[in-house]
Structures are given as structure tokens and as C-alpha cells.
N, C-alpha and C. Protein backbone atom coordinates (compact mmCIF):
# COMPACT_ATOMS: atom_id res chain seq x y z
N MET A 1 1.03 -0.81 -0.19
CA MET A 1 0.36 0.03 -0.06
C MET A 1 0.87 1.12 0.45
N ILE A 2 0.64 2.32 -0.67
CA ILE A 2 0.78 3.60 -0.39
C ILE A 2 -0.02 4.81 -0.34
N ARG A 3 0.75 5.15 0.61
CA ARG A 3 0.30 5.93 0.90
C ARG A 3 -0.14 7.25 0.28
N VAL A 4 -1.30 8.43 0.79
CA VAL A 4 -1.44 9.91 -0.80
C VAL A 4 -1.86 10.75 -0.73
N ASP A 5 -1.72 11.51 -1.16
CA ASP A 5 -2.68 13.11 -0.84
C ASP A 5 -3.86 12.86 -1.73
N ASP A 6 -3.14 13.06 -3.04
CA ASP A 6 -4.27 12.82 -4.36
C ASP A 6 -3.88 12.07 -4.45
N ILE A 7 -5.89 11.26 -4.25
CA ILE A 7 -5.51 9.96 -4.80
C ILE A 7 -5.90 9.64 -5.82
N ASP A 8 -6.18 10.21 -6.98
CA ASP A 8 -7.07 10.30 -7.88
C ASP A 8 -5.80 11.59 -9.03
N ALA A 9 -5.07 12.02 -8.60
CA ALA A 9 -3.93 12.11 -9.24
C ALA A 9 -2.50 11.24 -9.45
N LEU A 10 -2.44 9.71 -8.03
CA LEU A 10 -1.43 8.83 -7.81
C LEU A 10 -1.82 7.67 -8.15
N SER A 11 -3.64 8.52 -8.16
CA SER A 11 -4.00 6.33 -9.41
C SER A 11 -3.62 6.95 -10.94
N ARG A 12 -3.63 7.98 -11.29
CA ARG A 12 -3.23 7.92 -12.68
C ARG A 12 -1.42 8.02 -12.81
N PHE A 13 -0.93 7.80 -12.17
CA PHE A 13 0.37 8.69 -12.49
C PHE A 13 1.48 7.15 -12.38
N TRP A 14 -0.04 6.37 -11.15
CA TRP A 14 0.50 4.69 -11.01
C TRP A 14 0.23 3.72 -12.30
N THR A 15 -0.69 3.89 -12.68
CA THR A 15 -1.51 3.09 -13.83
C THR A 15 -0.63 3.56 -14.74
N GLU A 16 -0.93 4.50 -15.21
CA GLU A 16 0.75 4.10 -16.27
C GLU A 16 1.76 4.21 -16.68
N ALA A 17 2.19 4.07 -14.65
CA ALA A 17 4.46 3.36 -14.72
C ALA A 17 3.62 2.57 -14.77
N LEU A 18 2.83 1.69 -14.38
CA LEU A 18 3.32 0.30 -14.36
C LEU A 18 2.10 -0.43 -15.49
N GLY A 19 0.92 0.17 -16.09
CA GLY A 19 0.80 -0.60 -16.82
C GLY A 19 -1.00 -1.09 -16.48
N TYR A 20 -1.40 -0.75 -15.20
CA TYR A 20 -1.85 -1.72 -14.60
C TYR A 20 -3.32 -0.82 -14.75
N THR A 21 -4.04 -0.85 -14.37
CA THR A 21 -6.50 0.10 -14.40
C THR A 21 -6.58 -0.49 -12.54
N VAL A 22 -7.61 0.45 -12.33
CA VAL A 22 -7.96 0.62 -11.50
C VAL A 22 -9.02 -0.81 -10.96
N ARG A 23 -9.44 -1.35 -9.63
CA ARG A 23 -10.60 -2.44 -9.73
C ARG A 23 -11.26 -1.23 -9.30
N GLU A 24 -12.82 -1.66 -9.79
CA GLU A 24 -13.15 -1.54 -9.44
C GLU A 24 -14.30 -2.35 -8.57
N PRO A 25 -15.61 -1.76 -7.96
CA PRO A 25 -15.68 0.23 -6.63
C PRO A 25 -14.03 0.35 -6.74
N ALA A 26 -14.24 1.88 -6.78
CA ALA A 26 -13.34 2.16 -6.12
C ALA A 26 -14.26 3.58 -4.99
N SER A 27 -13.26 3.87 -4.27
CA SER A 27 -13.31 4.54 -3.62
C SER A 27 -12.95 5.94 -2.94
N PRO A 28 -13.34 7.54 -3.29
CA PRO A 28 -12.21 7.82 -2.67
C PRO A 28 -10.89 8.20 -2.03
N ASP A 29 -11.83 7.59 -1.26
CA ASP A 29 -9.79 7.55 -0.23
C ASP A 29 -9.33 5.97 -0.26
N PHE A 30 -9.60 5.23 -1.12
CA PHE A 30 -8.79 4.27 -1.07
C PHE A 30 -9.26 3.36 -2.72
N VAL A 31 -8.00 2.62 -3.27
CA VAL A 31 -7.57 2.84 -4.77
C VAL A 31 -7.66 1.26 -4.87
N VAL A 32 -7.78 0.25 -5.75
CA VAL A 32 -6.96 -1.14 -5.71
C VAL A 32 -6.20 -1.14 -7.45
N LEU A 33 -5.19 -1.07 -7.82
CA LEU A 33 -4.18 -0.79 -8.93
C LEU A 33 -4.06 -2.67 -9.44
N THR A 34 -4.30 -2.96 -10.63
CA THR A 34 -4.80 -4.92 -10.53
C THR A 34 -3.80 -4.34 -11.87
N PRO A 35 -2.97 -5.12 -12.67
CA PRO A 35 -2.55 -5.63 -13.94
C PRO A 35 -3.21 -5.22 -14.96
N ARG A 36 -3.74 -4.56 -16.42
CA ARG A 36 -4.63 -5.12 -17.28
C ARG A 36 -4.37 -6.33 -18.39
N GLU A 37 -3.53 -7.07 -18.57
CA GLU A 37 -2.83 -7.87 -18.55
C GLU A 37 -1.70 -8.65 -17.86
N GLY A 38 -3.22 -9.82 -18.04
CA GLY A 38 -1.90 -11.29 -17.12
C GLY A 38 -2.41 -11.46 -15.10
N THR A 39 -0.77 -11.64 -14.99
CA THR A 39 -1.07 -11.60 -13.97
C THR A 39 -0.04 -11.61 -12.57
N GLY A 40 0.00 -10.41 -11.97
CA GLY A 40 0.85 -10.22 -11.04
C GLY A 40 0.50 -9.07 -9.65
N PRO A 41 1.29 -8.39 -9.02
CA PRO A 41 0.82 -7.62 -7.85
C PRO A 41 -0.49 -6.65 -7.82
N ASN A 42 -0.99 -6.61 -6.86
CA ASN A 42 -2.02 -4.87 -6.91
C ASN A 42 -1.25 -4.86 -6.09
N VAL A 43 -2.24 -3.13 -6.32
CA VAL A 43 -0.81 -2.31 -5.54
C VAL A 43 -2.05 -1.52 -4.89
N SER A 44 -2.19 -0.65 -3.45
CA SER A 44 -3.48 0.39 -2.68
C SER A 44 -2.41 0.67 -3.08
N LEU A 45 -3.73 1.88 -3.17
CA LEU A 45 -3.53 3.80 -2.73
C LEU A 45 -4.59 3.99 -1.89
N ASP A 46 -4.14 4.10 -0.86
CA ASP A 46 -5.02 4.99 0.44
C ASP A 46 -4.45 6.24 0.72
N ALA A 47 -5.68 7.31 0.52
CA ALA A 47 -6.09 8.18 0.64
C ALA A 47 -5.81 8.63 2.62
N VAL A 48 -5.23 8.24 2.88
CA VAL A 48 -4.23 9.02 4.39
C VAL A 48 -2.79 9.55 3.61
N HIS A 49 -3.09 11.05 4.96
CA HIS A 49 -1.96 11.77 5.55
C HIS A 49 -0.56 11.32 5.82
N SER A 50 1.17 10.64 5.48
CA SER A 50 1.94 10.50 6.85
C SER A 50 2.73 11.15 6.20
N GLN A 51 3.58 10.46 7.57
CA GLN A 51 5.17 11.76 7.32
C GLN A 51 6.32 10.97 6.50
N ARG A 52 6.90 11.46 5.35
CA ARG A 52 8.04 11.22 4.76
C ARG A 52 8.70 11.09 5.54
N VAL A 53 9.32 9.70 5.97
CA VAL A 53 10.27 9.40 6.19
C VAL A 53 11.57 8.60 5.04
N LEU A 54 13.22 8.96 5.41
CA LEU A 54 14.14 9.25 5.02
C LEU A 54 15.15 8.71 5.92
N PRO A 55 15.89 6.95 5.00
CA PRO A 55 15.25 6.45 4.08
C PRO A 55 13.96 5.83 4.22
N PRO A 56 12.52 5.82 3.68
CA PRO A 56 11.91 5.05 3.44
C PRO A 56 11.78 3.91 3.32
N ARG A 57 10.83 3.12 4.38
CA ARG A 57 10.75 1.86 5.18
C ARG A 57 10.52 1.32 3.88
N LEU A 58 10.05 0.59 3.07
CA LEU A 58 9.79 0.55 1.48
C LEU A 58 9.63 0.84 0.78
N HIS A 59 10.00 0.37 -0.57
CA HIS A 59 10.54 1.80 -1.73
C HIS A 59 9.56 -0.26 -2.90
N LEU A 60 9.32 0.05 -3.91
CA LEU A 60 9.22 -0.58 -5.29
C LEU A 60 10.02 -0.69 -6.39
N ASP A 61 10.32 -1.78 -6.76
CA ASP A 61 11.87 -1.83 -7.45
C ASP A 61 10.31 -2.33 -8.94
N LEU A 62 10.92 -1.78 -10.00
CA LEU A 62 10.30 -1.96 -11.04
C LEU A 62 11.38 -2.19 -12.37
N TYR A 63 11.85 -2.90 -12.57
CA TYR A 63 13.13 -3.43 -13.58
C TYR A 63 12.56 -3.35 -15.20
N SER A 64 13.19 -3.00 -15.45
CA SER A 64 13.06 -2.29 -17.09
C SER A 64 14.74 -3.09 -18.24
N ASP A 65 13.89 -3.82 -18.81
CA ASP A 65 15.45 -4.07 -20.28
C ASP A 65 14.93 -2.50 -21.20
N ASN A 66 14.62 -1.22 -20.75
CA ASN A 66 15.18 -0.42 -21.23
C ASN A 66 14.99 0.90 -20.35
N GLN A 67 16.87 0.50 -19.34
CA GLN A 67 15.97 1.82 -18.10
C GLN A 67 16.16 2.90 -18.14
N LEU A 68 16.47 3.71 -19.24
CA LEU A 68 16.68 5.35 -19.51
C LEU A 68 15.36 5.23 -20.46
N ALA A 69 14.78 4.29 -21.30
CA ALA A 69 13.40 4.70 -21.86
C ALA A 69 13.15 5.21 -20.63
N ASP A 70 12.50 4.11 -20.23
CA ASP A 70 12.14 4.53 -18.74
C ASP A 70 11.32 5.47 -17.50
N VAL A 71 12.92 5.32 -17.59
CA VAL A 71 12.67 6.86 -16.14
C VAL A 71 13.11 7.59 -17.19
N ALA A 72 12.14 8.16 -18.78
CA ALA A 72 11.76 9.33 -20.00
C ALA A 72 10.38 9.75 -20.13
N ARG A 73 9.76 7.78 -19.26
CA ARG A 73 8.36 7.69 -19.97
C ARG A 73 7.83 8.68 -18.07
N LEU A 74 9.18 7.85 -16.88
CA LEU A 74 7.67 8.13 -15.55
C LEU A 74 8.36 9.59 -15.40
N THR A 75 9.43 10.09 -15.77
CA THR A 75 9.31 11.31 -16.08
C THR A 75 8.88 12.83 -16.98
N ALA A 76 7.82 12.30 -18.07
CA ALA A 76 7.24 12.31 -18.76
C ALA A 76 5.80 12.48 -17.99
N LEU A 77 5.30 11.78 -16.58
CA LEU A 77 4.54 10.97 -16.12
C LEU A 77 4.41 11.81 -15.42
N GLY A 78 5.31 11.99 -14.82
CA GLY A 78 5.47 13.40 -13.14
C GLY A 78 6.19 12.96 -11.77
N ALA A 79 7.59 11.78 -12.44
CA ALA A 79 8.57 11.11 -11.41
C ALA A 79 9.11 11.79 -11.60
N ARG A 80 10.30 12.23 -10.39
CA ARG A 80 11.51 12.76 -10.48
C ARG A 80 12.95 12.10 -9.83
N GLU A 81 13.84 12.00 -10.37
CA GLU A 81 14.77 11.75 -10.70
C GLU A 81 15.67 11.90 -8.94
N VAL A 82 16.01 11.06 -7.81
CA VAL A 82 16.78 11.27 -6.43
C VAL A 82 17.84 10.23 -7.10
N HIS A 83 18.96 12.18 -6.70
CA HIS A 83 20.57 12.14 -6.75
C HIS A 83 20.60 11.25 -5.07
N TRP A 84 21.15 10.29 -5.22
CA TRP A 84 22.55 10.47 -3.64
C TRP A 84 23.64 10.08 -3.88
N ASP A 85 24.41 10.53 -2.78
CA ASP A 85 25.25 9.87 -2.55
C ASP A 85 26.20 9.15 -2.87
N GLY A 86 25.49 8.57 -1.84
CA GLY A 86 26.10 6.88 -1.74
C GLY A 86 26.02 5.80 -2.94
N ARG A 87 25.00 6.31 -4.13
CA ARG A 87 24.67 5.32 -5.52
C ARG A 87 26.90 5.23 -5.67
N PRO A 88 26.60 4.09 -5.77
CA PRO A 88 28.07 2.82 -6.24
C PRO A 88 28.42 3.50 -7.63
N ALA A 89 29.13 3.97 -8.42
CA ALA A 89 29.00 4.83 -10.15
C ALA A 89 29.18 3.76 -10.32
N ASP A 90 28.62 2.00 -10.73
CA ASP A 90 28.01 0.79 -11.49
C ASP A 90 27.09 0.27 -10.58
N ALA A 91 25.96 0.85 -10.38
CA ALA A 91 24.44 0.81 -9.74
C ALA A 91 23.89 0.07 -10.85
N ASP A 92 23.29 -0.55 -11.01
CA ASP A 92 21.99 -0.59 -12.04
C ASP A 92 20.65 -0.21 -12.05
N TYR A 93 20.20 0.36 -10.96
CA TYR A 93 18.96 1.53 -10.49
C TYR A 93 19.57 2.48 -10.85
N ILE A 94 18.05 3.23 -11.12
CA ILE A 94 18.01 5.26 -10.54
C ILE A 94 16.79 4.84 -9.54
N ILE A 95 17.42 6.01 -8.84
CA ILE A 95 15.89 6.51 -7.19
C ILE A 95 15.34 7.42 -8.39
N MET A 96 14.67 7.04 -8.47
CA MET A 96 13.58 8.30 -7.99
C MET A 96 12.31 7.81 -7.49
N GLU A 97 11.91 9.26 -7.72
CA GLU A 97 9.92 9.21 -6.82
C GLU A 97 9.17 10.23 -7.32
N ASP A 98 7.65 9.53 -7.13
CA ASP A 98 6.57 10.04 -8.14
C ASP A 98 5.52 11.22 -7.48
N PRO A 99 5.26 12.00 -8.30
CA PRO A 99 4.79 12.92 -7.74
C PRO A 99 4.89 13.56 -6.49
N GLU A 100 4.50 12.82 -5.59
CA GLU A 100 4.55 13.07 -3.90
C GLU A 100 5.97 13.25 -3.24
N GLY A 101 6.34 12.62 -3.56
CA GLY A 101 7.62 12.17 -3.48
C GLY A 101 8.53 10.93 -2.60
N ASN A 102 6.77 9.68 -3.10
CA ASN A 102 7.33 8.45 -2.95
C ASN A 102 8.62 7.82 -3.72
N ARG A 103 9.05 7.20 -3.37
CA ARG A 103 10.26 6.52 -4.07
C ARG A 103 10.53 4.88 -4.04
N PHE A 104 11.00 4.43 -5.36
CA PHE A 104 10.78 3.53 -5.54
C PHE A 104 12.33 4.30 -6.94
N CYS A 105 13.15 2.60 -7.24
CA CYS A 105 13.98 2.29 -8.04
C CYS A 105 13.12 2.51 -9.59
N VAL A 106 14.06 2.27 -10.79
CA VAL A 106 13.89 1.99 -12.09
C VAL A 106 15.59 1.15 -12.47
N VAL A 107 15.48 0.11 -11.84
CA VAL A 107 16.35 -1.27 -12.23
C VAL A 107 17.11 -1.60 -13.30
N ASP A 108 18.14 -1.87 -14.21
CA ASP A 108 18.25 -2.35 -15.47
C ASP A 108 18.13 -4.31 -15.17
N SER A 109 17.29 -4.67 -15.89
CA SER A 109 17.21 -5.50 -16.07
C SER A 109 17.87 -6.83 -17.23
N THR A 110 18.86 -5.97 -17.84
CA THR A 110 19.96 -6.25 -18.55
C THR A 110 20.18 -7.30 -18.38
N PRO A 111 21.32 -8.74 -19.20
CA PRO A 111 21.73 -9.12 -18.64
C PRO A 111 23.62 -8.22 -18.66
């Protein structure tokens, strides 16, 4: 579950980011996102303000066959890249955050 302030905006972001859809019935304060095709984990959005903690207790890792293209796509949707001085030079991940600051990584899954 991801806690959000603007459930409509974050529903739009995460459905596009993940290729998911909103499972009906949705409510004004709780939404379940499910894969458009096939199976996979659901992601719930809960409209409850929570204190931002760094480092976050939990974040998603999104695996990508074309990391730079996916980072550009997610940036166009409203995500931002997070620069961290502790990131190794040869890291296979790029740290990002959604429009409300919920962090996730885009991991290069190519061999």
C-alpha cells in the first residue's frame, strides 16, 4: 500500500507507470490497482497523509529492459530522479520518486 494525499493524481500516475488499471469499485479514499494483462501483484493507494521518512521503509523496484527509456517515460508522467551521494558508480538502479515523493527504483534488467 502506498499512502497518498491526492488519490486521483497518484492513481493516474501509477496506472500509467505500471500498466495497471483501477479495480472497481474504487472509493474516494482507497483504490486498488491491478495489472491490465496477466497476473501480478496489486498495488493499493490509501488517501491517508503520512509523515515522509528517509530512507523509506519500503519502496518498489521496477525492472526494465530499457532503463533510460523507462526513466524518461516516468519523468514525463511526473516522476523525478533522486540523486544520492551513496549510490555506487556501477549501480544498476536509478532512484526516482512519484509526484508526491514516494520513492522507487528503476532497475536495469538486461544481462
